[in-house]
Amino acid sequence: MQEKDMVNDVLSMINSSLTGYANAIAQTSNQQLRQVLQQTRDADEQFQYKLYQVAEQKGYYQPAPEANSNDIQQIRASFTQRR
């Protein structure tokens, strides 16, 4: 397996784990467990970002183009209206 494939696989697994943490945190009423899950999620987010930076530098990952300011304002407005 190529390094690129391994890096992308790990990024994919971490992203799935982050979704799992979010679901577990939202459904946990035990404050201690909630705190442990949040700390674990935070650490995984930091690791994911560092690995993403490496993948981008090596050309393993091509991020989506940046959104323009009009698109950002439209999305922001749609979320603000929902509240």
PDB file of N, CA and C in Angstrom:
ATOM      1  N   MET A   1       0.840  -1.180   0.000  1.00  0.00           N
ATOM      2  CA  MET A   1       0.000   0.000   0.000  1.00  0.00           C
ATOM      3  C   MET A   1       0.884   1.243   0.000  1.00  0.00           C
ATOM      4  N   GLN A   2       0.538   2.204  -0.816  1.00  0.00           N
ATOM      5  CA  GLN A   2       1.298   3.441  -0.932  1.00  0.00           C
ATOM      6  C   GLN A   2       1.055   4.335   0.289  1.00  0.00           C
ATOM      7  N   GLU A   3       2.042   5.175   0.579  1.00  0.00           N
ATOM      8  CA  GLU A   3       1.905   6.107   1.701  1.00  0.00           C
ATOM      9  C   GLU A   3       0.668   6.992   1.530  1.00  0.00           C
ATOM     10  N   LYS A   4       0.449   7.451   0.322  1.00  0.00           N
ATOM     11  CA  LYS A   4      -0.712   8.303   0.041  1.00  0.00           C
ATOM     12  C   LYS A   4      -2.009   7.601   0.437  1.00  0.00           C
ATOM     13  N   ASP A   5      -2.153   6.345   0.072  1.00  0.00           N
ATOM     14  CA  ASP A   5      -3.357   5.578   0.404  1.00  0.00           C
ATOM     15  C   ASP A   5      -3.518   5.422   1.912  1.00  0.00           C
ATOM     16  N   MET A   6      -2.399   5.165   2.602  1.00  0.00           N
ATOM     17  CA  MET A   6      -2.463   5.005   4.051  1.00  0.00           C
ATOM     18  C   MET A   6      -2.889   6.304   4.730  1.00  0.00           C
ATOM     19  N   VAL A   7      -2.316   7.414   4.296  1.00  0.00           N
ATOM     20  CA  VAL A   7      -2.665   8.714   4.881  1.00  0.00           C
ATOM     21  C   VAL A   7      -4.140   9.015   4.648  1.00  0.00           C
ATOM     22  N   ASN A   8      -4.608   8.804   3.425  1.00  0.00           N
ATOM     23  CA  ASN A   8      -6.013   9.064   3.124  1.00  0.00           C
ATOM     24  C   ASN A   8      -6.948   8.127   3.882  1.00  0.00           C
ATOM     25  N   ASP A   9      -6.547   6.882   4.076  1.00  0.00           N
ATOM     26  CA  ASP A   9      -7.350   5.945   4.863  1.00  0.00           C
ATOM     27  C   ASP A   9      -7.458   6.404   6.310  1.00  0.00           C
ATOM     28  N   VAL A  10      -6.336   6.829   6.887  1.00  0.00           N
ATOM     29  CA  VAL A  10      -6.346   7.296   8.282  1.00  0.00           C
ATOM     30  C   VAL A  10      -7.210   8.549   8.405  1.00  0.00           C
ATOM     31  N   LEU A  11      -7.087   9.473   7.463  1.00  0.00           N
ATOM     32  CA  LEU A  11      -7.934  10.664   7.491  1.00  0.00           C
ATOM     33  C   LEU A  11      -9.413  10.288   7.436  1.00  0.00           C
ATOM     34  N   SER A  12      -9.744   9.352   6.598  1.00  0.00           N
ATOM     35  CA  SER A  12     -11.134   8.910   6.477  1.00  0.00           C
ATOM     36  C   SER A  12     -11.621   8.274   7.776  1.00  0.00           C
ATOM     37  N   MET A  13     -10.790   7.445   8.388  1.00  0.00           N
ATOM     38  CA  MET A  13     -11.170   6.801   9.648  1.00  0.00           C
ATOM     39  C   MET A  13     -11.349   7.818  10.765  1.00  0.00           C
ATOM     40  N   ILE A  14     -10.456   8.787  10.834  1.00  0.00           N
ATOM     41  CA  ILE A  14     -10.569   9.813  11.878  1.00  0.00           C
ATOM     42  C   ILE A  14     -11.846  10.629  11.668  1.00  0.00           C
ATOM     43  N   ASN A  15     -12.137  10.979  10.429  1.00  0.00           N
ATOM     44  CA  ASN A  15     -13.360  11.732  10.158  1.00  0.00           C
ATOM     45  C   ASN A  15     -14.600  10.952  10.603  1.00  0.00           C
ATOM     46  N   SER A  16     -14.612   9.661  10.366  1.00  0.00           N
ATOM     47  CA  SER A  16     -15.728   8.825  10.819  1.00  0.00           C
ATOM     48  C   SER A  16     -15.793   8.791  12.340  1.00  0.00           C
ATOM     49  N   SER A  17     -14.648   8.688  12.979  1.00  0.00           N
ATOM     50  CA  SER A  17     -14.612   8.689  14.445  1.00  0.00           C
ATOM     51  C   SER A  17     -15.134  10.001  15.015  1.00  0.00           C
ATOM     52  N   LEU A  18     -14.780  11.113  14.384  1.00  0.00           N
ATOM     53  CA  LEU A  18     -15.247  12.414  14.857  1.00  0.00           C
ATOM     54  C   LEU A  18     -16.766  12.502  14.801  1.00  0.00           C
ATOM     55  N   THR A  19     -17.358  11.938  13.763  1.00  0.00           N
ATOM     56  CA  THR A  19     -18.815  11.899  13.669  1.00  0.00           C
ATOM     57  C   THR A  19     -19.395  11.052  14.798  1.00  0.00           C
ATOM     58  N   GLY A  20     -18.754   9.932  15.070  1.00  0.00           N
ATOM     59  CA  GLY A  20     -19.200   9.069  16.162  1.00  0.00           C
ATOM     60  C   GLY A  20     -19.110   9.755  17.512  1.00  0.00           C
ATOM     61  N   TYR A  21     -18.019  10.481  17.739  1.00  0.00           N
ATOM     62  CA  TYR A  21     -17.878  11.217  18.998  1.00  0.00           C
ATOM     63  C   TYR A  21     -18.993  12.248  19.138  1.00  0.00           C
ATOM     64  N   ALA A  22     -19.277  12.976  18.069  1.00  0.00           N
ATOM     65  CA  ALA A  22     -20.328  14.001  18.120  1.00  0.00           C
ATOM     66  C   ALA A  22     -21.669  13.384  18.503  1.00  0.00           C
ATOM     67  N   ASN A  23     -21.981  12.250  17.920  1.00  0.00           N
ATOM     68  CA  ASN A  23     -23.241  11.562  18.250  1.00  0.00           C
ATOM     69  C   ASN A  23     -23.254  11.092  19.701  1.00  0.00           C
ATOM     70  N   ALA A  24     -22.167  10.524  20.157  1.00  0.00           N
ATOM     71  CA  ALA A  24     -22.100  10.029  21.529  1.00  0.00           C
ATOM     72  C   ALA A  24     -22.185  11.183  22.534  1.00  0.00           C
ATOM     73  N   ILE A  25     -21.486  12.268  22.253  1.00  0.00           N
ATOM     74  CA  ILE A  25     -21.511  13.429  23.150  1.00  0.00           C
ATOM     75  C   ILE A  25     -22.929  13.981  23.258  1.00  0.00           C
ATOM     76  N   ALA A  26     -23.605  14.076  22.150  1.00  0.00           N
ATOM     77  CA  ALA A  26     -24.965  14.628  22.141  1.00  0.00           C
ATOM     78  C   ALA A  26     -25.947  13.764  22.930  1.00  0.00           C
ATOM     79  N   GLN A  27     -25.656  12.480  23.055  1.00  0.00           N
ATOM     80  CA  GLN A  27     -26.584  11.558  23.701  1.00  0.00           C
ATOM     81  C   GLN A  27     -26.150  11.145  25.101  1.00  0.00           C
ATOM     82  N   THR A  28     -25.072  11.707  25.607  1.00  0.00           N
ATOM     83  CA  THR A  28     -24.543  11.316  26.909  1.00  0.00           C
ATOM     84  C   THR A  28     -24.979  12.285  27.986  1.00  0.00           C
ATOM     85  N   SER A  29     -25.587  11.747  29.030  1.00  0.00           N
ATOM     86  CA  SER A  29     -25.995  12.601  30.139  1.00  0.00           C
ATOM     87  C   SER A  29     -24.979  12.571  31.290  1.00  0.00           C
ATOM     88  N   ASN A  30     -24.129  11.551  31.307  1.00  0.00           N
ATOM     89  CA  ASN A  30     -23.099  11.458  32.342  1.00  0.00           C
ATOM     90  C   ASN A  30     -22.011  12.481  32.054  1.00  0.00           C
ATOM     91  N   GLN A  31     -21.862  13.456  32.943  1.00  0.00           N
ATOM     92  CA  GLN A  31     -20.944  14.562  32.708  1.00  0.00           C
ATOM     93  C   GLN A  31     -19.495  14.110  32.583  1.00  0.00           C
ATOM     94  N   GLN A  32     -19.077  13.136  33.380  1.00  0.00           N
ATOM     95  CA  GLN A  32     -17.688  12.654  33.298  1.00  0.00           C
ATOM     96  C   GLN A  32     -17.411  11.982  31.963  1.00  0.00           C
ATOM     97  N   LEU A  33     -18.332  11.136  31.533  1.00  0.00           N
ATOM     98  CA  LEU A  33     -18.172  10.466  30.239  1.00  0.00           C
ATOM     99  C   LEU A  33     -18.189  11.486  29.112  1.00  0.00           C
ATOM    100  N   ARG A  34     -19.090  12.447  29.221  1.00  0.00           N
ATOM    101  CA  ARG A  34     -19.172  13.501  28.204  1.00  0.00           C
ATOM    102  C   ARG A  34     -17.840  14.238  28.094  1.00  0.00           C
ATOM    103  N   GLN A  35     -17.236  14.564  29.224  1.00  0.00           N
ATOM    104  CA  GLN A  35     -15.963  15.282  29.228  1.00  0.00           C
ATOM    105  C   GLN A  35     -14.845  14.444  28.598  1.00  0.00           C
ATOM    106  N   VAL A  36     -14.812  13.152  28.919  1.00  0.00           N
ATOM    107  CA  VAL A  36     -13.799  12.267  28.335  1.00  0.00           C
ATOM    108  C   VAL A  36     -13.975  12.189  26.819  1.00  0.00           C
ATOM    109  N   LEU A  37     -15.212  12.054  26.366  1.00  0.00           N
ATOM    110  CA  LEU A  37     -15.471  11.996  24.927  1.00  0.00           C
ATOM    111  C   LEU A  37     -15.076  13.298  24.238  1.00  0.00           C
ATOM    112  N   GLN A  38     -15.357  14.418  24.869  1.00  0.00           N
ATOM    113  CA  GLN A  38     -14.993  15.712  24.291  1.00  0.00           C
ATOM    114  C   GLN A  38     -13.475  15.874  24.212  1.00  0.00           C
ATOM    115  N   GLN A  39     -12.770  15.448  25.251  1.00  0.00           N
ATOM    116  CA  GLN A  39     -11.304  15.537  25.241  1.00  0.00           C
ATOM    117  C   GLN A  39     -10.716  14.636  24.165  1.00  0.00           C
ATOM    118  N   THR A  40     -11.264  13.447  24.033  1.00  0.00           N
ATOM    119  CA  THR A  40     -10.788  12.517  23.007  1.00  0.00           C
ATOM    120  C   THR A  40     -11.063  13.073  21.618  1.00  0.00           C
ATOM    121  N   ARG A  41     -12.262  13.620  21.427  1.00  0.00           N
ATOM    122  CA  ARG A  41     -12.604  14.238  20.153  1.00  0.00           C
ATOM    123  C   ARG A  41     -11.659  15.395  19.826  1.00  0.00           C
ATOM    124  N   ASP A  42     -11.401  16.236  20.820  1.00  0.00           N
ATOM    125  CA  ASP A  42     -10.510  17.382  20.601  1.00  0.00           C
ATOM    126  C   ASP A  42      -9.112  16.934  20.185  1.00  0.00           C
ATOM    127  N   ALA A  43      -8.598  15.896  20.848  1.00  0.00           N
ATOM    128  CA  ALA A  43      -7.269  15.375  20.507  1.00  0.00           C
ATOM    129  C   ALA A  43      -7.266  14.797  19.097  1.00  0.00           C
ATOM    130  N   ASP A  44      -8.324  14.075  18.744  1.00  0.00           N
ATOM    131  CA  ASP A  44      -8.413  13.509  17.389  1.00  0.00           C
ATOM    132  C   ASP A  44      -8.537  14.604  16.331  1.00  0.00           C
ATOM    133  N   GLU A  45      -9.247  15.683  16.655  1.00  0.00           N
ATOM    134  CA  GLU A  45      -9.353  16.799  15.709  1.00  0.00           C
ATOM    135  C   GLU A  45      -7.991  17.436  15.471  1.00  0.00           C
ATOM    136  N   GLN A  46      -7.208  17.571  16.526  1.00  0.00           N
ATOM    137  CA  GLN A  46      -5.865  18.137  16.379  1.00  0.00           C
ATOM    138  C   GLN A  46      -4.987  17.224  15.525  1.00  0.00           C
ATOM    139  N   PHE A  47      -5.051  15.912  15.791  1.00  0.00           N
ATOM    140  CA  PHE A  47      -4.278  14.950  15.003  1.00  0.00           C
ATOM    141  C   PHE A  47      -4.728  14.964  13.542  1.00  0.00           C
ATOM    142  N   GLN A  48      -6.034  15.012  13.338  1.00  0.00           N
ATOM    143  CA  GLN A  48      -6.578  15.027  11.980  1.00  0.00           C
ATOM    144  C   GLN A  48      -6.068  16.241  11.220  1.00  0.00           C
ATOM    145  N   TYR A  49      -6.046  17.389  11.868  1.00  0.00           N
ATOM    146  CA  TYR A  49      -5.602  18.607  11.183  1.00  0.00           C
ATOM    147  C   TYR A  49      -4.116  18.537  10.846  1.00  0.00           C
ATOM    148  N   LYS A  50      -3.307  18.012  11.750  1.00  0.00           N
ATOM    149  CA  LYS A  50      -1.869  17.872  11.479  1.00  0.00           C
ATOM    150  C   LYS A  50      -1.631  16.909  10.313  1.00  0.00           C
ATOM    151  N   LEU A  51      -2.351  15.794  10.321  1.00  0.00           N
ATOM    152  CA  LEU A  51      -2.207  14.829   9.234  1.00  0.00           C
ATOM    153  C   LEU A  51      -2.712  15.420   7.914  1.00  0.00           C
ATOM    154  N   TYR A  52      -3.799  16.171   7.977  1.00  0.00           N
ATOM    155  CA  TYR A  52      -4.309  16.847   6.788  1.00  0.00           C
ATOM    156  C   TYR A  52      -3.244  17.786   6.220  1.00  0.00           C
ATOM    157  N   GLN A  53      -2.573  18.552   7.083  1.00  0.00           N
ATOM    158  CA  GLN A  53      -1.533  19.478   6.624  1.00  0.00           C
ATOM    159  C   GLN A  53      -0.407  18.728   5.918  1.00  0.00           C
ATOM    160  N   VAL A  54       0.000  17.584   6.475  1.00  0.00           N
ATOM    161  CA  VAL A  54       1.039  16.764   5.847  1.00  0.00           C
ATOM    162  C   VAL A  54       0.551  16.269   4.482  1.00  0.00           C
ATOM    163  N   ALA A  55      -0.678  15.774   4.450  1.00  0.00           N
ATOM    164  CA  ALA A  55      -1.231  15.252   3.192  1.00  0.00           C
ATOM    165  C   ALA A  55      -1.309  16.344   2.136  1.00  0.00           C
ATOM    166  N   GLU A  56      -1.700  17.523   2.534  1.00  0.00           N
ATOM    167  CA  GLU A  56      -1.791  18.632   1.577  1.00  0.00           C
ATOM    168  C   GLU A  56      -0.401  19.033   1.073  1.00  0.00           C
ATOM    169  N   GLN A  57       0.576  19.095   1.977  1.00  0.00           N
ATOM    170  CA  GLN A  57       1.937  19.472   1.581  1.00  0.00           C
ATOM    171  C   GLN A  57       2.534  18.471   0.602  1.00  0.00           C
ATOM    172  N   LYS A  58       2.217  17.192   0.795  1.00  0.00           N
ATOM    173  CA  LYS A  58       2.765  16.153  -0.074  1.00  0.00           C
ATOM    174  C   LYS A  58       1.945  15.957  -1.342  1.00  0.00           C
ATOM    175  N   GLY A  59       0.850  16.690  -1.457  1.00  0.00           N
ATOM    176  CA  GLY A  59       0.006  16.573  -2.636  1.00  0.00           C
ATOM    177  C   GLY A  59      -0.919  15.366  -2.602  1.00  0.00           C
ATOM    178  N   TYR A  60      -1.109  14.774  -1.422  1.00  0.00           N
ATOM    179  CA  TYR A  60      -1.979  13.606  -1.288  1.00  0.00           C
ATOM    180  C   TYR A  60      -3.447  13.999  -1.202  1.00  0.00           C
ATOM    181  N   TYR A  61      -3.687  15.230  -0.836  1.00  0.00           N
ATOM    182  CA  TYR A  61      -5.060  15.683  -0.619  1.00  0.00           C
ATOM    183  C   TYR A  61      -5.242  17.025  -1.299  1.00  0.00           C
ATOM    184  N   GLN A  62      -6.268  17.134  -2.089  1.00  0.00           N
ATOM    185  CA  GLN A  62      -6.565  18.380  -2.786  1.00  0.00           C
ATOM    186  C   GLN A  62      -7.827  18.968  -2.170  1.00  0.00           C
ATOM    187  N   PRO A  63      -7.703  20.044  -1.399  1.00  0.00           N
ATOM    188  CA  PRO A  63      -8.899  20.616  -0.764  1.00  0.00           C
ATOM    189  C   PRO A  63      -9.826  21.256  -1.797  1.00  0.00           C
ATOM    190  N   ALA A  64     -11.073  21.386  -1.430  1.00  0.00           N
ATOM    191  CA  ALA A  64     -12.035  22.066  -2.288  1.00  0.00           C
ATOM    192  C   ALA A  64     -11.643  23.534  -2.397  1.00  0.00           C
ATOM    193  N   PRO A  65     -11.985  24.165  -3.495  1.00  0.00           N
ATOM    194  CA  PRO A  65     -11.667  25.592  -3.615  1.00  0.00           C
ATOM    195  C   PRO A  65     -12.405  26.393  -2.541  1.00  0.00           C
ATOM    196  N   GLU A  66     -11.816  27.517  -2.155  1.00  0.00           N
ATOM    197  CA  GLU A  66     -12.436  28.346  -1.128  1.00  0.00           C
ATOM    198  C   GLU A  66     -13.746  28.927  -1.637  1.00  0.00           C
ATOM    199  N   ALA A  67     -14.707  29.012  -0.737  1.00  0.00           N
ATOM    200  CA  ALA A  67     -15.996  29.604  -1.089  1.00  0.00           C
ATOM    201  C   ALA A  67     -15.847  31.111  -1.210  1.00  0.00           C
ATOM    202  N   ASN A  68     -16.628  31.684  -2.108  1.00  0.00           N
ATOM    203  CA  ASN A  68     -16.565  33.144  -2.233  1.00  0.00           C
ATOM    204  C   ASN A  68     -17.430  33.783  -1.142  1.00  0.00           C
ATOM    205  N   SER A  69     -17.242  35.047  -0.912  1.00  0.00           N
ATOM    206  CA  SER A  69     -17.910  35.729   0.200  1.00  0.00           C
ATOM    207  C   SER A  69     -19.427  35.750   0.043  1.00  0.00           C
ATOM    208  N   ASN A  70     -19.938  35.801  -1.180  1.00  0.00           N
ATOM    209  CA  ASN A  70     -21.392  35.768  -1.392  1.00  0.00           C
ATOM    210  C   ASN A  70     -21.990  34.446  -0.942  1.00  0.00           C
ATOM    211  N   ASP A  71     -21.324  33.336  -1.276  1.00  0.00           N
ATOM    212  CA  ASP A  71     -21.796  32.015  -0.849  1.00  0.00           C
ATOM    213  C   ASP A  71     -21.788  31.904   0.672  1.00  0.00           C
ATOM    214  N   ILE A  72     -20.745  32.399   1.285  1.00  0.00           N
ATOM    215  CA  ILE A  72     -20.638  32.339   2.747  1.00  0.00           C
ATOM    216  C   ILE A  72     -21.772  33.136   3.387  1.00  0.00           C
ATOM    217  N   GLN A  73     -22.043  34.314   2.867  1.00  0.00           N
ATOM    218  CA  GLN A  73     -23.122  35.150   3.417  1.00  0.00           C
ATOM    219  C   GLN A  73     -24.488  34.481   3.250  1.00  0.00           C
ATOM    220  N   GLN A  74     -24.714  33.832   2.119  1.00  0.00           N
ATOM    221  CA  GLN A  74     -25.992  33.145   1.897  1.00  0.00           C
ATOM    222  C   GLN A  74     -26.172  31.999   2.892  1.00  0.00           C
ATOM    223  N   ILE A  75     -25.129  31.236   3.098  1.00  0.00           N
ATOM    224  CA  ILE A  75     -25.217  30.110   4.035  1.00  0.00           C
ATOM    225  C   ILE A  75     -25.401  30.630   5.454  1.00  0.00           C
ATOM    226  N   ARG A  76     -24.644  31.651   5.818  1.00  0.00           N
ATOM    227  CA  ARG A  76     -24.771  32.247   7.144  1.00  0.00           C
ATOM    228  C   ARG A  76     -26.203  32.741   7.356  1.00  0.00           C
ATOM    229  N   ALA A  77     -26.771  33.396   6.370  1.00  0.00           N
ATOM    230  CA  ALA A  77     -28.131  33.917   6.477  1.00  0.00           C
ATOM    231  C   ALA A  77     -29.149  32.779   6.642  1.00  0.00           C
ATOM    232  N   SER A  78     -28.953  31.687   5.917  1.00  0.00           N
ATOM    233  CA  SER A  78     -29.903  30.572   6.031  1.00  0.00           C
ATOM    234  C   SER A  78     -29.860  29.942   7.416  1.00  0.00           C
ATOM    235  N   PHE A  79     -28.697  29.873   8.033  1.00  0.00           N
ATOM    236  CA  PHE A  79     -28.588  29.328   9.389  1.00  0.00           C
ATOM    237  C   PHE A  79     -29.150  30.313  10.409  1.00  0.00           C
ATOM    238  N   THR A  80     -28.958  31.583  10.187  1.00  0.00           N
ATOM    239  CA  THR A  80     -29.454  32.596  11.116  1.00  0.00           C
ATOM    240  C   THR A  80     -30.981  32.624  11.110  1.00  0.00           C
ATOM    241  N   GLN A  81     -31.584  32.415   9.951  1.00  0.00           N
ATOM    242  CA  GLN A  81     -33.043  32.414   9.835  1.00  0.00           C
ATOM    243  C   GLN A  81     -33.660  31.238  10.556  1.00  0.00           C
ATOM    244  N   ARG A  82     -32.958  30.115  10.671  1.00  0.00           N
ATOM    245  CA  ARG A  82     -33.486  28.909  11.309  1.00  0.00           C
ATOM    246  C   ARG A  82     -33.603  29.054  12.822  1.00  0.00           C
ATOM    247  N   ARG A  83     -32.844  29.953  13.389  1.00  0.00           N
ATOM    248  CA  ARG A  83     -32.835  30.093  14.845  1.00  0.00           C
ATOM    249  C   ARG A  83     -34.002  30.834  15.299  1.00  0.00           C
TER     250      ARG A  83
END
